[in-house]
Structures are given as C-alpha cells and as structure tokens.
C-alpha cells in the first residue's frame, strides 16, 4: 500500500461530519483521492472537495 499526504479544507470535514451524523448507515463511506480532489461517497450522498496546495503548517 502506498502512503500519501493530502490537505483539504476544514470546512469540507465539517460538511462530512454533518452528513455522517444525519446518515442512517454510518458504516459505509468510500473515499476516492485524485490529484486535485477528494470524494466521500455514502449510499445517498456524495461530497467532493478540492485539495489544497502546499504543506500543512507544523504545530508547536
């Protein structure tokens, strides 16, 4: 398995959290990562977000 690091907007995670909390089937969420986007697919919902460019700032 290949390991990679990607940055995506925190707002997208907030939306995904909202979708998951309202979903009847919380056990299935497929994630598709491409060069520029990340896609979260649930049985009745799909969330697509653009990836951010650059590196994550280091926390101190």
PDB file of N, CA and C in Angstrom:
ATOM      1  N   UNK A   1       0.844  -1.175   0.000  1.00  0.00           N
ATOM      2  CA  UNK A   1       0.000   0.000   0.000  1.00  0.00           C
ATOM      3  C   UNK A   1       0.893   1.243   0.000  1.00  0.00           C
ATOM      4  N   UNK A   2       0.521   2.234  -0.799  1.00  0.00           N
ATOM      5  CA  UNK A   2       1.260   3.483  -0.883  1.00  0.00           C
ATOM      6  C   UNK A   2       0.680   4.494   0.086  1.00  0.00           C
ATOM      7  N   UNK A   3       1.550   5.190   0.797  1.00  0.00           N
ATOM      8  CA  UNK A   3       1.106   6.205   1.754  1.00  0.00           C
ATOM      9  C   UNK A   3       1.302   7.587   1.141  1.00  0.00           C
ATOM     10  N   UNK A   4       0.324   8.466   1.318  1.00  0.00           N
ATOM     11  CA  UNK A   4       0.420   9.825   0.802  1.00  0.00           C
ATOM     12  C   UNK A   4      -0.184  10.796   1.800  1.00  0.00           C
ATOM     13  N   UNK A   5       0.125  12.059   1.607  1.00  0.00           N
ATOM     14  CA  UNK A   5      -0.408  13.119   2.458  1.00  0.00           C
ATOM     15  C   UNK A   5      -1.139  14.125   1.585  1.00  0.00           C
ATOM     16  N   UNK A   6      -2.337  14.515   2.004  1.00  0.00           N
ATOM     17  CA  UNK A   6      -3.129  15.490   1.254  1.00  0.00           C
ATOM     18  C   UNK A   6      -3.759  16.478   2.213  1.00  0.00           C
ATOM     19  N   UNK A   7      -3.917  17.701   1.750  1.00  0.00           N
ATOM     20  CA  UNK A   7      -4.591  18.747   2.518  1.00  0.00           C
ATOM     21  C   UNK A   7      -5.922  19.067   1.864  1.00  0.00           C
ATOM     22  N   UNK A   8      -6.972  19.145   2.680  1.00  0.00           N
ATOM     23  CA  UNK A   8      -8.251  19.597   2.153  1.00  0.00           C
ATOM     24  C   UNK A   8      -8.893  20.515   3.178  1.00  0.00           C
ATOM     25  N   UNK A   9      -9.794  21.378   2.742  1.00  0.00           N
ATOM     26  CA  UNK A   9     -10.355  22.404   3.616  1.00  0.00           C
ATOM     27  C   UNK A   9     -11.083  21.831   4.835  1.00  0.00           C
ATOM     28  N   UNK A  10     -10.888  22.488   5.979  1.00  0.00           N
ATOM     29  CA  UNK A  10     -11.581  22.092   7.204  1.00  0.00           C
ATOM     30  C   UNK A  10     -13.093  22.182   7.054  1.00  0.00           C
ATOM     31  N   UNK A  11     -13.548  23.121   6.240  1.00  0.00           N
ATOM     32  CA  UNK A  11     -14.988  23.258   6.002  1.00  0.00           C
ATOM     33  C   UNK A  11     -15.561  21.978   5.393  1.00  0.00           C
ATOM     34  N   UNK A  12     -14.777  21.309   4.547  1.00  0.00           N
ATOM     35  CA  UNK A  12     -15.218  20.044   3.959  1.00  0.00           C
ATOM     36  C   UNK A  12     -15.382  18.977   5.034  1.00  0.00           C
ATOM     37  N   UNK A  13     -14.470  18.948   5.993  1.00  0.00           N
ATOM     38  CA  UNK A  13     -14.596  17.991   7.098  1.00  0.00           C
ATOM     39  C   UNK A  13     -15.832  18.284   7.935  1.00  0.00           C
ATOM     40  N   UNK A  14     -16.142  19.564   8.129  1.00  0.00           N
ATOM     41  CA  UNK A  14     -17.353  19.933   8.851  1.00  0.00           C
ATOM     42  C   UNK A  14     -18.599  19.455   8.122  1.00  0.00           C
ATOM     43  N   UNK A  15     -18.617  19.622   6.804  1.00  0.00           N
ATOM     44  CA  UNK A  15     -19.748  19.146   6.000  1.00  0.00           C
ATOM     45  C   UNK A  15     -19.857  17.633   6.062  1.00  0.00           C
ATOM     46  N   UNK A  16     -18.709  16.942   5.967  1.00  0.00           N
ATOM     47  CA  UNK A  16     -18.720  15.483   6.039  1.00  0.00           C
ATOM     48  C   UNK A  16     -19.239  15.025   7.397  1.00  0.00           C
ATOM     49  N   UNK A  17     -18.819  15.680   8.458  1.00  0.00           N
ATOM     50  CA  UNK A  17     -19.302  15.352   9.803  1.00  0.00           C
ATOM     51  C   UNK A  17     -20.816  15.517   9.893  1.00  0.00           C
ATOM     52  N   UNK A  18     -21.330  16.596   9.329  1.00  0.00           N
ATOM     53  CA  UNK A  18     -22.777  16.842   9.331  1.00  0.00           C
ATOM     54  C   UNK A  18     -23.521  15.748   8.560  1.00  0.00           C
ATOM     55  N   UNK A  19     -22.981  15.390   7.393  1.00  0.00           N
ATOM     56  CA  UNK A  19     -23.601  14.348   6.569  1.00  0.00           C
ATOM     57  C   UNK A  19     -23.591  13.012   7.303  1.00  0.00           C
ATOM     58  N   UNK A  20     -22.450  12.661   7.899  1.00  0.00           N
ATOM     59  CA  UNK A  20     -22.342  11.386   8.615  1.00  0.00           C
ATOM     60  C   UNK A  20     -23.272  11.329   9.821  1.00  0.00           C
ATOM     61  N   UNK A  21     -23.427  12.448  10.524  1.00  0.00           N
ATOM     62  CA  UNK A  21     -24.293  12.455  11.707  1.00  0.00           C
ATOM     63  C   UNK A  21     -25.767  12.295  11.336  1.00  0.00           C
ATOM     64  N   UNK A  22     -26.131  12.653  10.102  1.00  0.00           N
ATOM     65  CA  UNK A  22     -27.516  12.525   9.651  1.00  0.00           C
ATOM     66  C   UNK A  22     -27.762  11.240   8.864  1.00  0.00           C
ATOM     67  N   UNK A  23     -26.700  10.483   8.592  1.00  0.00           N
ATOM     68  CA  UNK A  23     -26.807   9.277   7.784  1.00  0.00           C
ATOM     69  C   UNK A  23     -27.295   8.104   8.614  1.00  0.00           C
ATOM     70  N   UNK A  24     -28.215   7.335   8.054  1.00  0.00           N
ATOM     71  CA  UNK A  24     -28.716   6.151   8.742  1.00  0.00           C
ATOM     72  C   UNK A  24     -27.675   5.044   8.740  1.00  0.00           C
ATOM     73  N   UNK A  25     -26.884   4.944   7.669  1.00  0.00           N
ATOM     74  CA  UNK A  25     -25.867   3.907   7.550  1.00  0.00           C
ATOM     75  C   UNK A  25     -24.490   4.544   7.718  1.00  0.00           C
ATOM     76  N   UNK A  26     -23.993   4.581   8.944  1.00  0.00           N
ATOM     77  CA  UNK A  26     -22.723   5.228   9.241  1.00  0.00           C
ATOM     78  C   UNK A  26     -21.519   4.329   8.969  1.00  0.00           C
ATOM     79  N   UNK A  27     -21.766   3.095   8.567  1.00  0.00           N
ATOM     80  CA  UNK A  27     -20.667   2.149   8.407  1.00  0.00           C
ATOM     81  C   UNK A  27     -20.016   2.203   7.025  1.00  0.00           C
ATOM     82  N   UNK A  28     -20.620   2.908   6.073  1.00  0.00           N
ATOM     83  CA  UNK A  28     -20.089   2.896   4.713  1.00  0.00           C
ATOM     84  C   UNK A  28     -19.787   4.321   4.256  1.00  0.00           C
ATOM     85  N   UNK A  29     -18.513   4.576   3.985  1.00  0.00           N
ATOM     86  CA  UNK A  29     -18.088   5.839   3.382  1.00  0.00           C
ATOM     87  C   UNK A  29     -16.862   5.532   2.537  1.00  0.00           C
ATOM     88  N   UNK A  30     -17.046   5.502   1.232  1.00  0.00           N
ATOM     89  CA  UNK A  30     -15.923   5.266   0.328  1.00  0.00           C
ATOM     90  C   UNK A  30     -15.201   6.584   0.089  1.00  0.00           C
ATOM     91  N   UNK A  31     -13.875   6.525   0.030  1.00  0.00           N
ATOM     92  CA  UNK A  31     -13.061   7.717  -0.196  1.00  0.00           C
ATOM     93  C   UNK A  31     -12.239   7.504  -1.452  1.00  0.00           C
ATOM     94  N   UNK A  32     -12.346   8.461  -2.388  1.00  0.00           N
ATOM     95  CA  UNK A  32     -11.590   8.414  -3.630  1.00  0.00           C
ATOM     96  C   UNK A  32     -10.709   9.663  -3.688  1.00  0.00           C
ATOM     97  N   UNK A  33      -9.420   9.456  -3.807  1.00  0.00           N
ATOM     98  CA  UNK A  33      -8.464  10.559  -3.826  1.00  0.00           C
ATOM     99  C   UNK A  33      -7.838  10.641  -5.213  1.00  0.00           C
ATOM    100  N   UNK A  34      -7.919  11.822  -5.833  1.00  0.00           N
ATOM    101  CA  UNK A  34      -7.263  12.038  -7.121  1.00  0.00           C
ATOM    102  C   UNK A  34      -6.191  13.112  -6.935  1.00  0.00           C
ATOM    103  N   UNK A  35      -5.589  13.559  -8.028  1.00  0.00           N
ATOM    104  CA  UNK A  35      -4.529  14.569  -7.940  1.00  0.00           C
ATOM    105  C   UNK A  35      -5.021  15.902  -7.377  1.00  0.00           C
ATOM    106  N   UNK A  36      -6.269  16.239  -7.659  1.00  0.00           N
ATOM    107  CA  UNK A  36      -6.776  17.567  -7.273  1.00  0.00           C
ATOM    108  C   UNK A  36      -8.017  17.549  -6.379  1.00  0.00           C
ATOM    109  N   UNK A  37      -8.651  16.383  -6.225  1.00  0.00           N
ATOM    110  CA  UNK A  37      -9.888  16.327  -5.445  1.00  0.00           C
ATOM    111  C   UNK A  37      -9.907  15.123  -4.510  1.00  0.00           C
ATOM    112  N   UNK A  38     -10.793  15.201  -3.521  1.00  0.00           N
ATOM    113  CA  UNK A  38     -11.112  14.072  -2.662  1.00  0.00           C
ATOM    114  C   UNK A  38     -12.626  13.919  -2.685  1.00  0.00           C
ATOM    115  N   UNK A  39     -13.091  12.683  -2.782  1.00  0.00           N
ATOM    116  CA  UNK A  39     -14.525  12.413  -2.885  1.00  0.00           C
ATOM    117  C   UNK A  39     -14.925  11.424  -1.794  1.00  0.00           C
ATOM    118  N   UNK A  40     -15.947  11.802  -1.030  1.00  0.00           N
ATOM    119  CA  UNK A  40     -16.515  10.942   0.003  1.00  0.00           C
ATOM    120  C   UNK A  40     -17.885  10.493  -0.494  1.00  0.00           C
ATOM    121  N   UNK A  41     -18.082   9.186  -0.629  1.00  0.00           N
ATOM    122  CA  UNK A  41     -19.344   8.653  -1.158  1.00  0.00           C
ATOM    123  C   UNK A  41     -20.043   7.813  -0.106  1.00  0.00           C
ATOM    124  N   UNK A  42     -21.274   8.212   0.203  1.00  0.00           N
ATOM    125  CA  UNK A  42     -22.148   7.441   1.076  1.00  0.00           C
ATOM    126  C   UNK A  42     -23.291   6.917   0.217  1.00  0.00           C
ATOM    127  N   UNK A  43     -24.113   6.019   0.758  1.00  0.00           N
ATOM    128  CA  UNK A  43     -25.177   5.444  -0.070  1.00  0.00           C
ATOM    129  C   UNK A  43     -26.054   6.470  -0.797  1.00  0.00           C
ATOM    130  N   UNK A  44     -26.403   7.591  -0.161  1.00  0.00           N
ATOM    131  CA  UNK A  44     -27.304   8.568  -0.799  1.00  0.00           C
ATOM    132  C   UNK A  44     -26.686   9.943  -0.987  1.00  0.00           C
ATOM    133  N   UNK A  45     -25.395  10.070  -0.706  1.00  0.00           N
ATOM    134  CA  UNK A  45     -24.761  11.391  -0.738  1.00  0.00           C
ATOM    135  C   UNK A  45     -23.334  11.277  -1.244  1.00  0.00           C
ATOM    136  N   UNK A  46     -22.906  12.302  -1.974  1.00  0.00           N
ATOM    137  CA  UNK A  46     -21.526  12.379  -2.428  1.00  0.00           C
ATOM    138  C   UNK A  46     -21.012  13.781  -2.140  1.00  0.00           C
ATOM    139  N   UNK A  47     -19.838  13.877  -1.494  1.00  0.00           N
ATOM    140  CA  UNK A  47     -19.195  15.160  -1.198  1.00  0.00           C
ATOM    141  C   UNK A  47     -17.852  15.173  -1.907  1.00  0.00           C
ATOM    142  N   UNK A  48     -17.639  16.192  -2.744  1.00  0.00           N
ATOM    143  CA  UNK A  48     -16.385  16.336  -3.476  1.00  0.00           C
ATOM    144  C   UNK A  48     -15.755  17.659  -3.060  1.00  0.00           C
ATOM    145  N   UNK A  49     -14.456  17.617  -2.740  1.00  0.00           N
ATOM    146  CA  UNK A  49     -13.739  18.814  -2.322  1.00  0.00           C
ATOM    147  C   UNK A  49     -12.418  18.908  -3.073  1.00  0.00           C
ATOM    148  N   UNK A  50     -12.006  20.113  -3.380  1.00  0.00           N
ATOM    149  CA  UNK A  50     -10.692  20.314  -3.982  1.00  0.00           C
ATOM    150  C   UNK A  50      -9.620  20.178  -2.905  1.00  0.00           C
ATOM    151  N   UNK A  51      -8.481  19.648  -3.290  1.00  0.00           N
ATOM    152  CA  UNK A  51      -7.351  19.569  -2.376  1.00  0.00           C
ATOM    153  C   UNK A  51      -6.637  20.904  -2.347  1.00  0.00           C
ATOM    154  N   UNK A  52      -6.031  21.224  -1.218  1.00  0.00           N
ATOM    155  CA  UNK A  52      -5.256  22.453  -1.084  1.00  0.00           C
ATOM    156  C   UNK A  52      -3.826  22.193  -1.523  1.00  0.00           C
ATOM    157  N   UNK A  53      -3.198  23.219  -2.077  1.00  0.00           N
ATOM    158  CA  UNK A  53      -1.796  23.092  -2.479  1.00  0.00           C
ATOM    159  C   UNK A  53      -0.906  23.526  -1.320  1.00  0.00           C
ATOM    160  N   UNK A  54       0.298  23.021  -1.292  1.00  0.00           N
ATOM    161  CA  UNK A  54       1.258  23.413  -0.256  1.00  0.00           C
ATOM    162  C   UNK A  54       1.364  22.352   0.820  1.00  0.00           C
ATOM    163  N   UNK A  55       1.979  22.762   1.931  1.00  0.00           N
ATOM    164  CA  UNK A  55       2.188  21.855   3.043  1.00  0.00           C
ATOM    165  C   UNK A  55       1.469  22.365   4.278  1.00  0.00           C
ATOM    166  N   UNK A  56       1.116  21.461   5.132  1.00  0.00           N
ATOM    167  CA  UNK A  56       0.444  21.797   6.378  1.00  0.00           C
ATOM    168  C   UNK A  56       1.430  22.468   7.316  1.00  0.00           C
ATOM    169  N   UNK A  57       1.051  23.592   7.939  1.00  0.00           N
ATOM    170  CA  UNK A  57       1.957  24.230   8.897  1.00  0.00           C
ATOM    171  C   UNK A  57       2.190  23.316  10.105  1.00  0.00           C
ATOM    172  N   UNK A  58       3.420  23.307  10.582  1.00  0.00           N
ATOM    173  CA  UNK A  58       3.777  22.485  11.745  1.00  0.00           C
ATOM    174  C   UNK A  58       3.239  23.119  13.016  1.00  0.00           C
ATOM    175  N   UNK A  59       2.619  22.292  13.860  1.00  0.00           N
ATOM    176  CA  UNK A  59       2.155  22.751  15.177  1.00  0.00           C
ATOM    177  C   UNK A  59       3.313  22.706  16.151  1.00  0.00           C
ATOM    178  N   UNK A  60       3.407  23.704  17.013  1.00  0.00           N
ATOM    179  CA  UNK A  60       4.487  23.727  18.004  1.00  0.00           C
ATOM    180  C   UNK A  60       3.929  23.674  19.398  1.00  0.00           C
TER     181      UNK A  60
END
